[in-house]
Amino acid sequence: SRATDEKSGANFISRLLKDDVLAAVQELKPLAEQAGLTMAQ
C-alpha cells in the first residue's frame, strides 16, 4: 500500500493513519453498503 512505499507518499499519508481516524472511517462501511456503494465510490 501507499503507506509502505517511501516513493509514493508514505510520509504524506502518515498523519492520517491515526487510530481515531481509521476507526471513524470504519464506521462509514455500513453507510456505503446501505447506499449500494463501495467505500471508494
PDB file of all heavy atoms in Angstrom:
ATOM      1  N   SER A   1       0.840  -1.198   0.000  1.00  0.00           N
ATOM      2  CA  SER A   1       0.000   0.000   0.000  1.00  0.00           C
ATOM      3  C   SER A   1       0.871   1.242   0.000  1.00  0.00           C
ATOM      4  O   SER A   1       2.080   1.197   0.257  1.00  0.00           O
ATOM      5  CB  SER A   1      -0.924   0.013   1.214  1.00  0.00           C
ATOM      6  OG  SER A   1      -0.171   0.142   2.408  1.00  0.00           O
ATOM      7  N   ARG A   2       0.243   2.382  -0.252  1.00  0.00           N
ATOM      8  CA  ARG A   2       0.975   3.648  -0.299  1.00  0.00           C
ATOM      9  C   ARG A   2       1.696   3.932   1.011  1.00  0.00           C
ATOM     10  O   ARG A   2       2.793   4.510   1.026  1.00  0.00           O
ATOM     11  CB  ARG A   2      -0.007   4.783  -0.617  1.00  0.00           C
ATOM     12  CG  ARG A   2       0.628   6.147  -0.717  1.00  0.00           C
ATOM     13  CD  ARG A   2      -0.364   7.169  -1.226  1.00  0.00           C
ATOM     14  NE  ARG A   2      -0.812   6.841  -2.569  1.00  0.00           N
ATOM     15  CZ  ARG A   2      -1.760   7.507  -3.220  1.00  0.00           C
ATOM     16  NH1 ARG A   2      -2.360   8.522  -2.637  1.00  0.00           N
ATOM     17  NH2 ARG A   2      -2.107   7.149  -4.441  1.00  0.00           N
ATOM     18  N   ALA A   3       1.112   3.527   2.110  1.00  0.00           N
ATOM     19  CA  ALA A   3       1.706   3.810   3.416  1.00  0.00           C
ATOM     20  C   ALA A   3       3.016   3.068   3.641  1.00  0.00           C
ATOM     21  O   ALA A   3       3.766   3.395   4.563  1.00  0.00           O
ATOM     22  CB  ALA A   3       0.713   3.453   4.522  1.00  0.00           C
ATOM     23  N   THR A   4       3.313   2.067   2.832  1.00  0.00           N
ATOM     24  CA  THR A   4       4.555   1.304   2.996  1.00  0.00           C
ATOM     25  C   THR A   4       5.599   1.677   1.953  1.00  0.00           C
ATOM     26  O   THR A   4       6.693   1.126   1.966  1.00  0.00           O
ATOM     27  CB  THR A   4       4.274  -0.207   2.885  1.00  0.00           C
ATOM     28  OG1 THR A   4       3.796  -0.512   1.566  1.00  0.00           O
ATOM     29  CG2 THR A   4       3.241  -0.637   3.914  1.00  0.00           C
ATOM     30  N   ASP A   5       5.266   2.598   1.046  1.00  0.00           N
ATOM     31  CA  ASP A   5       6.154   2.933  -0.071  1.00  0.00           C
ATOM     32  C   ASP A   5       6.676   4.354   0.100  1.00  0.00           C
ATOM     33  O   ASP A   5       5.935   5.321  -0.056  1.00  0.00           O
ATOM     34  CB  ASP A   5       5.388   2.804  -1.392  1.00  0.00           C
ATOM     35  CG  ASP A   5       6.303   2.931  -2.604  1.00  0.00           C
ATOM     36  OD1 ASP A   5       7.418   3.446  -2.453  1.00  0.00           O
ATOM     37  OD2 ASP A   5       5.881   2.522  -3.705  1.00  0.00           O
ATOM     38  N   GLU A   6       7.962   4.474   0.406  1.00  0.00           N
ATOM     39  CA  GLU A   6       8.543   5.803   0.628  1.00  0.00           C
ATOM     40  C   GLU A   6       8.448   6.677  -0.611  1.00  0.00           C
ATOM     41  O   GLU A   6       8.357   7.899  -0.518  1.00  0.00           O
ATOM     42  CB  GLU A   6      10.020   5.654   1.046  1.00  0.00           C
ATOM     43  CG  GLU A   6      10.215   5.011   2.405  1.00  0.00           C
ATOM     44  CD  GLU A   6       9.594   5.816   3.530  1.00  0.00           C
ATOM     45  OE1 GLU A   6       9.596   7.053   3.438  1.00  0.00           O
ATOM     46  OE2 GLU A   6       9.099   5.205   4.493  1.00  0.00           O
ATOM     47  N   LYS A   7       8.460   6.084  -1.801  1.00  0.00           N
ATOM     48  CA  LYS A   7       8.405   6.863  -3.035  1.00  0.00           C
ATOM     49  C   LYS A   7       7.003   7.338  -3.357  1.00  0.00           C
ATOM     50  O   LYS A   7       6.820   8.220  -4.192  1.00  0.00           O
ATOM     51  CB  LYS A   7       8.924   6.014  -4.218  1.00  0.00           C
ATOM     52  CG  LYS A   7      10.393   5.672  -4.144  1.00  0.00           C
ATOM     53  CD  LYS A   7      10.867   5.054  -5.440  1.00  0.00           C
ATOM     54  CE  LYS A   7      10.129   3.753  -5.763  1.00  0.00           C
ATOM     55  NZ  LYS A   7      10.596   3.157  -7.030  1.00  0.00           N
ATOM     56  N   SER A   8       5.989   6.757  -2.736  1.00  0.00           N
ATOM     57  CA  SER A   8       4.615   7.081  -3.125  1.00  0.00           C
ATOM     58  C   SER A   8       3.852   7.840  -2.050  1.00  0.00           C
ATOM     59  O   SER A   8       2.634   7.789  -1.978  1.00  0.00           O
ATOM     60  CB  SER A   8       3.860   5.796  -3.478  1.00  0.00           C
ATOM     61  OG  SER A   8       3.683   5.001  -2.324  1.00  0.00           O
ATOM     62  N   GLY A   9       4.580   8.537  -1.195  1.00  0.00           N
ATOM     63  CA  GLY A   9       3.899   9.418  -0.256  1.00  0.00           C
ATOM     64  C   GLY A   9       3.659   8.842   1.116  1.00  0.00           C
ATOM     65  O   GLY A   9       2.713   9.234   1.796  1.00  0.00           O
ATOM     66  N   ALA A  10       4.496   7.919   1.568  1.00  0.00           N
ATOM     67  CA  ALA A  10       4.302   7.321   2.890  1.00  0.00           C
ATOM     68  C   ALA A  10       4.318   8.384   3.984  1.00  0.00           C
ATOM     69  O   ALA A  10       3.541   8.331   4.938  1.00  0.00           O
ATOM     70  CB  ALA A  10       5.373   6.267   3.158  1.00  0.00           C
ATOM     71  N   ASN A  11       5.201   9.362   3.852  1.00  0.00           N
ATOM     72  CA  ASN A  11       5.267  10.425   4.861  1.00  0.00           C
ATOM     73  C   ASN A  11       4.017  11.296   4.827  1.00  0.00           C
ATOM     74  O   ASN A  11       3.523  11.751   5.860  1.00  0.00           O
ATOM     75  CB  ASN A  11       6.509  11.286   4.636  1.00  0.00           C
ATOM     76  CG  ASN A  11       7.793  10.533   4.925  1.00  0.00           C
ATOM     77  OD1 ASN A  11       7.803   9.616   5.730  1.00  0.00           O
ATOM     78  ND2 ASN A  11       8.877  10.926   4.270  1.00  0.00           N
ATOM     79  N   PHE A  12       3.488  11.498   3.635  1.00  0.00           N
ATOM     80  CA  PHE A  12       2.317  12.354   3.481  1.00  0.00           C
ATOM     81  C   PHE A  12       1.082  11.718   4.121  1.00  0.00           C
ATOM     82  O   PHE A  12       0.271  12.391   4.749  1.00  0.00           O
ATOM     83  CB  PHE A  12       2.078  12.608   1.994  1.00  0.00           C
ATOM     84  CG  PHE A  12       1.065  13.675   1.706  1.00  0.00           C
ATOM     85  CD1 PHE A  12       1.420  15.012   1.740  1.00  0.00           C
ATOM     86  CD2 PHE A  12      -0.243  13.351   1.414  1.00  0.00           C
ATOM     87  CE1 PHE A  12       0.494  15.999   1.477  1.00  0.00           C
ATOM     88  CE2 PHE A  12      -1.179  14.329   1.156  1.00  0.00           C
ATOM     89  CZ  PHE A  12      -0.807  15.664   1.191  1.00  0.00           C
ATOM     90  N   ILE A  13       0.946  10.424   3.948  1.00  0.00           N
ATOM     91  CA  ILE A  13      -0.249   9.733   4.449  1.00  0.00           C
ATOM     92  C   ILE A  13      -0.170   9.471   5.954  1.00  0.00           C
ATOM     93  O   ILE A  13      -1.199   9.227   6.602  1.00  0.00           O
ATOM     94  CB  ILE A  13      -0.470   8.408   3.682  1.00  0.00           C
ATOM     95  CG1 ILE A  13      -1.866   7.856   3.951  1.00  0.00           C
ATOM     96  CG2 ILE A  13       0.586   7.387   4.027  1.00  0.00           C
ATOM     97  CD1 ILE A  13      -2.176   6.588   3.183  1.00  0.00           C
ATOM     98  N   SER A  14       1.027   9.534   6.529  1.00  0.00           N
ATOM     99  CA  SER A  14       1.210   9.099   7.918  1.00  0.00           C
ATOM    100  C   SER A  14       0.323   9.878   8.893  1.00  0.00           C
ATOM    101  O   SER A  14      -0.145   9.334   9.888  1.00  0.00           O
ATOM    102  CB  SER A  14       2.675   9.239   8.324  1.00  0.00           C
ATOM    103  OG  SER A  14       3.096  10.591   8.238  1.00  0.00           O
ATOM    104  N   ARG A  15       0.055  11.159   8.602  1.00  0.00           N
ATOM    105  CA  ARG A  15      -0.759  11.958   9.529  1.00  0.00           C
ATOM    106  C   ARG A  15      -2.212  11.511   9.569  1.00  0.00           C
ATOM    107  O   ARG A  15      -2.957  11.872  10.475  1.00  0.00           O
ATOM    108  CB  ARG A  15      -0.682  13.433   9.147  1.00  0.00           C
ATOM    109  CG  ARG A  15      -1.170  13.740   7.751  1.00  0.00           C
ATOM    110  CD  ARG A  15      -0.892  15.202   7.385  1.00  0.00           C
ATOM    111  NE  ARG A  15      -1.228  15.486   6.009  1.00  0.00           N
ATOM    112  CZ  ARG A  15      -2.448  15.719   5.565  1.00  0.00           C
ATOM    113  NH1 ARG A  15      -3.472  15.668   6.420  1.00  0.00           N
ATOM    114  NH2 ARG A  15      -2.681  15.973   4.299  1.00  0.00           N
ATOM    115  N   LEU A  16      -2.624  10.720   8.566  1.00  0.00           N
ATOM    116  CA  LEU A  16      -3.995  10.211   8.535  1.00  0.00           C
ATOM    117  C   LEU A  16      -4.118   8.829   9.157  1.00  0.00           C
ATOM    118  O   LEU A  16      -5.231   8.351   9.382  1.00  0.00           O
ATOM    119  CB  LEU A  16      -4.505  10.148   7.088  1.00  0.00           C
ATOM    120  CG  LEU A  16      -4.703  11.487   6.379  1.00  0.00           C
ATOM    121  CD1 LEU A  16      -4.983  11.258   4.901  1.00  0.00           C
ATOM    122  CD2 LEU A  16      -5.840  12.276   7.016  1.00  0.00           C
ATOM    123  N   LEU A  17      -2.988   8.200   9.427  1.00  0.00           N
ATOM    124  CA  LEU A  17      -3.011   6.815   9.912  1.00  0.00           C
ATOM    125  C   LEU A  17      -3.069   6.735  11.435  1.00  0.00           C
ATOM    126  O   LEU A  17      -2.384   5.931  12.063  1.00  0.00           O
ATOM    127  CB  LEU A  17      -1.790   6.059   9.377  1.00  0.00           C
ATOM    128  CG  LEU A  17      -1.721   5.927   7.849  1.00  0.00           C
ATOM    129  CD1 LEU A  17      -0.459   5.188   7.438  1.00  0.00           C
ATOM    130  CD2 LEU A  17      -2.954   5.206   7.315  1.00  0.00           C
ATOM    131  N   LYS A  18      -3.906   7.560  12.016  1.00  0.00           N
ATOM    132  CA  LYS A  18      -4.118   7.534  13.461  1.00  0.00           C
ATOM    133  C   LYS A  18      -5.327   6.663  13.771  1.00  0.00           C
ATOM    134  O   LYS A  18      -6.296   6.636  12.994  1.00  0.00           O
ATOM    135  CB  LYS A  18      -4.325   8.953  13.982  1.00  0.00           C
ATOM    136  CG  LYS A  18      -3.137   9.880  13.737  1.00  0.00           C
ATOM    137  CD  LYS A  18      -3.443  11.296  14.172  1.00  0.00           C
ATOM    138  CE  LYS A  18      -2.278  12.236  13.906  1.00  0.00           C
ATOM    139  NZ  LYS A  18      -2.604  13.640  14.256  1.00  0.00           N
ATOM    140  N   ASP A  19      -5.282   5.978  14.873  1.00  0.00           N
ATOM    141  CA  ASP A  19      -6.342   5.021  15.182  1.00  0.00           C
ATOM    142  C   ASP A  19      -7.719   5.661  15.255  1.00  0.00           C
ATOM    143  O   ASP A  19      -8.712   5.053  14.834  1.00  0.00           O
ATOM    144  CB  ASP A  19      -6.033   4.296  16.500  1.00  0.00           C
ATOM    145  CG  ASP A  19      -5.015   3.176  16.319  1.00  0.00           C
ATOM    146  OD1 ASP A  19      -4.655   2.900  15.151  1.00  0.00           O
ATOM    147  OD2 ASP A  19      -4.596   2.591  17.321  1.00  0.00           O
ATOM    148  N   ASP A  20      -7.814   6.900  15.777  1.00  0.00           N
ATOM    149  CA  ASP A  20      -9.142   7.513  15.860  1.00  0.00           C
ATOM    150  C   ASP A  20      -9.699   7.826  14.474  1.00  0.00           C
ATOM    151  O   ASP A  20     -10.896   7.656  14.217  1.00  0.00           O
ATOM    152  CB  ASP A  20      -9.119   8.777  16.725  1.00  0.00           C
ATOM    153  CG  ASP A  20      -8.153   9.831  16.228  1.00  0.00           C
ATOM    154  OD1 ASP A  20      -7.241   9.510  15.435  1.00  0.00           O
ATOM    155  OD2 ASP A  20      -8.305  11.010  16.638  1.00  0.00           O
ATOM    156  N   VAL A  21      -8.808   8.237  13.548  1.00  0.00           N
ATOM    157  CA  VAL A  21      -9.244   8.481  12.166  1.00  0.00           C
ATOM    158  C   VAL A  21      -9.669   7.172  11.507  1.00  0.00           C
ATOM    159  O   VAL A  21     -10.739   7.081  10.899  1.00  0.00           O
ATOM    160  CB  VAL A  21      -8.114   9.145  11.351  1.00  0.00           C
ATOM    161  CG1 VAL A  21      -8.529   9.298   9.888  1.00  0.00           C
ATOM    162  CG2 VAL A  21      -7.746  10.496  11.940  1.00  0.00           C
ATOM    163  N   LEU A  22      -8.843   6.154  11.645  1.00  0.00           N
ATOM    164  CA  LEU A  22      -9.128   4.878  10.993  1.00  0.00           C
ATOM    165  C   LEU A  22     -10.390   4.230  11.564  1.00  0.00           C
ATOM    166  O   LEU A  22     -11.166   3.610  10.820  1.00  0.00           O
ATOM    167  CB  LEU A  22      -7.935   3.937  11.142  1.00  0.00           C
ATOM    168  CG  LEU A  22      -6.614   4.447  10.532  1.00  0.00           C
ATOM    169  CD1 LEU A  22      -5.517   3.402  10.706  1.00  0.00           C
ATOM    170  CD2 LEU A  22      -6.788   4.799   9.056  1.00  0.00           C
ATOM    171  N   ALA A  23     -10.615   4.387  12.856  1.00  0.00           N
ATOM    172  CA  ALA A  23     -11.817   3.820  13.473  1.00  0.00           C
ATOM    173  C   ALA A  23     -13.065   4.531  12.958  1.00  0.00           C
ATOM    174  O   ALA A  23     -14.092   3.893  12.679  1.00  0.00           O
ATOM    175  CB  ALA A  23     -11.728   3.932  14.993  1.00  0.00           C
ATOM    176  N   ALA A  24     -12.985   5.852  12.809  1.00  0.00           N
ATOM    177  CA  ALA A  24     -14.133   6.597  12.286  1.00  0.00           C
ATOM    178  C   ALA A  24     -14.442   6.187  10.853  1.00  0.00           C
ATOM    179  O   ALA A  24     -15.615   6.010  10.479  1.00  0.00           O
ATOM    180  CB  ALA A  24     -13.850   8.100  12.368  1.00  0.00           C
ATOM    181  N   VAL A  25     -13.398   5.998  10.064  1.00  0.00           N
ATOM    182  CA  VAL A  25     -13.604   5.592   8.670  1.00  0.00           C
ATOM    183  C   VAL A  25     -14.290   4.223   8.596  1.00  0.00           C
ATOM    184  O   VAL A  25     -15.155   3.999   7.741  1.00  0.00           O
ATOM    185  CB  VAL A  25     -12.262   5.584   7.911  1.00  0.00           C
ATOM    186  CG1 VAL A  25     -12.417   4.906   6.543  1.00  0.00           C
ATOM    187  CG2 VAL A  25     -11.743   7.007   7.740  1.00  0.00           C
ATOM    188  N   GLN A  26     -13.931   3.334   9.503  1.00  0.00           N
ATOM    189  CA  GLN A  26     -14.571   2.015   9.503  1.00  0.00           C
ATOM    190  C   GLN A  26     -16.081   2.116   9.740  1.00  0.00           C
ATOM    191  O   GLN A  26     -16.857   1.292   9.254  1.00  0.00           O
ATOM    192  CB  GLN A  26     -13.926   1.112  10.552  1.00  0.00           C
ATOM    193  CG  GLN A  26     -12.489   0.701  10.238  1.00  0.00           C
ATOM    194  CD  GLN A  26     -12.346   0.003   8.896  1.00  0.00           C
ATOM    195  OE1 GLN A  26     -13.052  -0.973   8.605  1.00  0.00           O
ATOM    196  NE2 GLN A  26     -11.460   0.513   8.059  1.00  0.00           N
ATOM    197  N   GLU A  27     -16.501   3.154  10.453  1.00  0.00           N
ATOM    198  CA  GLU A  27     -17.927   3.345  10.706  1.00  0.00           C
ATOM    199  C   GLU A  27     -18.693   3.770   9.451  1.00  0.00           C
ATOM    200  O   GLU A  27     -19.924   3.747   9.429  1.00  0.00           O
ATOM    201  CB  GLU A  27     -18.124   4.391  11.812  1.00  0.00           C
ATOM    202  CG  GLU A  27     -17.666   3.942  13.185  1.00  0.00           C
ATOM    203  CD  GLU A  27     -18.003   4.976  14.242  1.00  0.00           C
ATOM    204  OE1 GLU A  27     -19.161   5.452  14.261  1.00  0.00           O
ATOM    205  OE2 GLU A  27     -17.111   5.324  15.047  1.00  0.00           O
ATOM    206  N   LEU A  28     -17.960   4.144   8.422  1.00  0.00           N
ATOM    207  CA  LEU A  28     -18.614   4.514   7.160  1.00  0.00           C
ATOM    208  C   LEU A  28     -19.005   3.288   6.332  1.00  0.00           C
ATOM    209  O   LEU A  28     -19.841   3.398   5.425  1.00  0.00           O
ATOM    210  CB  LEU A  28     -17.685   5.392   6.312  1.00  0.00           C
ATOM    211  CG  LEU A  28     -17.303   6.765   6.873  1.00  0.00           C
ATOM    212  CD1 LEU A  28     -16.350   7.467   5.914  1.00  0.00           C
ATOM    213  CD2 LEU A  28     -18.552   7.618   7.113  1.00  0.00           C
ATOM    214  N   LYS A  29     -18.426   2.142   6.637  1.00  0.00           N
ATOM    215  CA  LYS A  29     -18.676   0.952   5.807  1.00  0.00           C
ATOM    216  C   LYS A  29     -20.157   0.595   5.719  1.00  0.00           C
ATOM    217  O   LYS A  29     -20.679   0.383   4.616  1.00  0.00           O
ATOM    218  CB  LYS A  29     -17.853  -0.231   6.316  1.00  0.00           C
ATOM    219  CG  LYS A  29     -16.378  -0.134   5.933  1.00  0.00           C
ATOM    220  CD  LYS A  29     -15.624  -1.405   6.272  1.00  0.00           C
ATOM    221  CE  LYS A  29     -14.212  -1.341   5.714  1.00  0.00           C
ATOM    222  NZ  LYS A  29     -13.421  -2.568   6.010  1.00  0.00           N
ATOM    223  N   PRO A  30     -20.902   0.514   6.836  1.00  0.00           N
ATOM    224  CA  PRO A  30     -22.322   0.191   6.703  1.00  0.00           C
ATOM    225  C   PRO A  30     -23.108   1.272   5.957  1.00  0.00           C
ATOM    226  O   PRO A  30     -24.090   0.960   5.272  1.00  0.00           O
ATOM    227  CB  PRO A  30     -22.802   0.063   8.159  1.00  0.00           C
ATOM    228  CG  PRO A  30     -21.772   0.739   8.986  1.00  0.00           C
ATOM    229  CD  PRO A  30     -20.487   0.576   8.255  1.00  0.00           C
ATOM    230  N   LEU A  31     -22.667   2.523   6.042  1.00  0.00           N
ATOM    231  CA  LEU A  31     -23.339   3.596   5.304  1.00  0.00           C
ATOM    232  C   LEU A  31     -23.137   3.422   3.804  1.00  0.00           C
ATOM    233  O   LEU A  31     -24.070   3.616   3.006  1.00  0.00           O
ATOM    234  CB  LEU A  31     -22.819   4.962   5.755  1.00  0.00           C
ATOM    235  CG  LEU A  31     -22.976   5.302   7.235  1.00  0.00           C
ATOM    236  CD1 LEU A  31     -22.430   6.701   7.519  1.00  0.00           C
ATOM    237  CD2 LEU A  31     -24.435   5.196   7.663  1.00  0.00           C
ATOM    238  N   ALA A  32     -21.917   3.051   3.412  1.00  0.00           N
ATOM    239  CA  ALA A  32     -21.647   2.798   1.999  1.00  0.00           C
ATOM    240  C   ALA A  32     -22.465   1.610   1.498  1.00  0.00           C
ATOM    241  O   ALA A  32     -23.047   1.660   0.408  1.00  0.00           O
ATOM    242  CB  ALA A  32     -20.152   2.544   1.795  1.00  0.00           C
ATOM    243  N   GLU A  33     -22.513   0.562   2.295  1.00  0.00           N
ATOM    244  CA  GLU A  33     -23.278  -0.625   1.898  1.00  0.00           C
ATOM    245  C   GLU A  33     -24.756  -0.297   1.721  1.00  0.00           C
ATOM    246  O   GLU A  33     -25.392  -0.740   0.754  1.00  0.00           O
ATOM    247  CB  GLU A  33     -23.090  -1.729   2.931  1.00  0.00           C
ATOM    248  CG  GLU A  33     -21.676  -2.308   2.956  1.00  0.00           C
ATOM    249  CD  GLU A  33     -21.458  -3.251   4.125  1.00  0.00           C
ATOM    250  OE1 GLU A  33     -22.416  -3.448   4.922  1.00  0.00           O
ATOM    251  OE2 GLU A  33     -20.322  -3.773   4.267  1.00  0.00           O
ATOM    252  N   GLN A  34     -25.310   0.490   2.634  1.00  0.00           N
ATOM    253  CA  GLN A  34     -26.718   0.864   2.530  1.00  0.00           C
ATOM    254  C   GLN A  34     -26.991   1.671   1.265  1.00  0.00           C
ATOM    255  O   GLN A  34     -28.069   1.596   0.680  1.00  0.00           O
ATOM    256  CB  GLN A  34     -27.137   1.670   3.756  1.00  0.00           C
ATOM    257  CG  GLN A  34     -27.199   0.849   5.042  1.00  0.00           C
ATOM    258  CD  GLN A  34     -27.327   1.725   6.281  1.00  0.00           C
ATOM    259  OE1 GLN A  34     -27.719   2.887   6.186  1.00  0.00           O
ATOM    260  NE2 GLN A  34     -26.985   1.172   7.436  1.00  0.00           N
ATOM    261  N   ALA A  35     -25.985   2.443   0.836  1.00  0.00           N
ATOM    262  CA  ALA A  35     -26.139   3.259  -0.372  1.00  0.00           C
ATOM    263  C   ALA A  35     -25.816   2.474  -1.636  1.00  0.00           C
ATOM    264  O   ALA A  35     -25.957   3.003  -2.738  1.00  0.00           O
ATOM    265  CB  ALA A  35     -25.243   4.483  -0.283  1.00  0.00           C
ATOM    266  N   GLY A  36     -25.384   1.226  -1.470  1.00  0.00           N
ATOM    267  CA  GLY A  36     -25.032   0.410  -2.631  1.00  0.00           C
ATOM    268  C   GLY A  36     -23.730   0.827  -3.276  1.00  0.00           C
ATOM    269  O   GLY A  36     -23.537   0.650  -4.481  1.00  0.00           O
ATOM    270  N   LEU A  37     -22.813   1.373  -2.469  1.00  0.00           N
ATOM    271  CA  LEU A  37     -21.546   1.885  -2.979  1.00  0.00           C
ATOM    272  C   LEU A  37     -20.378   1.214  -2.274  1.00  0.00           C
ATOM    273  O   LEU A  37     -20.507   0.758  -1.135  1.00  0.00           O
ATOM    274  CB  LEU A  37     -21.446   3.396  -2.738  1.00  0.00           C
ATOM    275  CG  LEU A  37     -22.541   4.283  -3.344  1.00  0.00           C
ATOM    276  CD1 LEU A  37     -22.415   5.703  -2.805  1.00  0.00           C
ATOM    277  CD2 LEU A  37     -22.451   4.278  -4.863  1.00  0.00           C
ATOM    278  N   THR A  38     -19.235   1.162  -2.952  1.00  0.00           N
ATOM    279  CA  THR A  38     -18.011   0.783  -2.268  1.00  0.00           C
ATOM    280  C   THR A  38     -17.536   1.988  -1.464  1.00  0.00           C
ATOM    281  O   THR A  38     -17.998   3.117  -1.657  1.00  0.00           O
ATOM    282  CB  THR A  38     -16.914   0.376  -3.261  1.00  0.00           C
ATOM    283  OG1 THR A  38     -16.547   1.530  -4.043  1.00  0.00           O
ATOM    284  CG2 THR A  38     -17.393  -0.736  -4.194  1.00  0.00           C
ATOM    285  N   MET A  39     -16.591   1.762  -0.573  1.00  0.00           N
ATOM    286  CA  MET A  39     -16.060   2.869   0.209  1.00  0.00           C
ATOM    287  C   MET A  39     -15.403   3.924  -0.699  1.00  0.00           C
ATOM    288  O   MET A  39     -15.546   5.131  -0.478  1.00  0.00           O
ATOM    289  CB  MET A  39     -15.062   2.352   1.235  1.00  0.00           C
ATOM    290  CG  MET A  39     -15.700   1.597   2.384  1.00  0.00           C
ATOM    291  SD  MET A  39     -16.441   2.731   3.580  1.00  0.00           S
ATOM    292  CE  MET A  39     -14.951   3.258   4.463  1.00  0.00           C
ATOM    293  N   ALA A  40     -14.680   3.462  -1.724  1.00  0.00           N
ATOM    294  CA  ALA A  40     -14.042   4.404  -2.645  1.00  0.00           C
ATOM    295  C   ALA A  40     -15.086   5.227  -3.386  1.00  0.00           C
ATOM    296  O   ALA A  40     -14.938   6.445  -3.550  1.00  0.00           O
ATOM    297  CB  ALA A  40     -13.148   3.654  -3.623  1.00  0.00           C
ATOM    298  N   GLN A  41     -16.137   4.586  -3.830  1.00  0.00           N
ATOM    299  CA  GLN A  41     -17.194   5.312  -4.532  1.00  0.00           C
ATOM    300  C   GLN A  41     -17.862   6.332  -3.622  1.00  0.00           C
ATOM    301  O   GLN A  41     -18.170   7.454  -4.047  1.00  0.00           O
ATOM    302  CB  GLN A  41     -18.230   4.326  -5.084  1.00  0.00           C
ATOM    303  CG  GLN A  41     -17.705   3.479  -6.229  1.00  0.00           C
ATOM    304  CD  GLN A  41     -18.547   2.237  -6.466  1.00  0.00           C
ATOM    305  OE1 GLN A  41     -19.614   2.061  -5.873  1.00  0.00           O
ATOM    306  NE2 GLN A  41     -18.053   1.343  -7.318  1.00  0.00           N
TER     307      GLN A  41
END
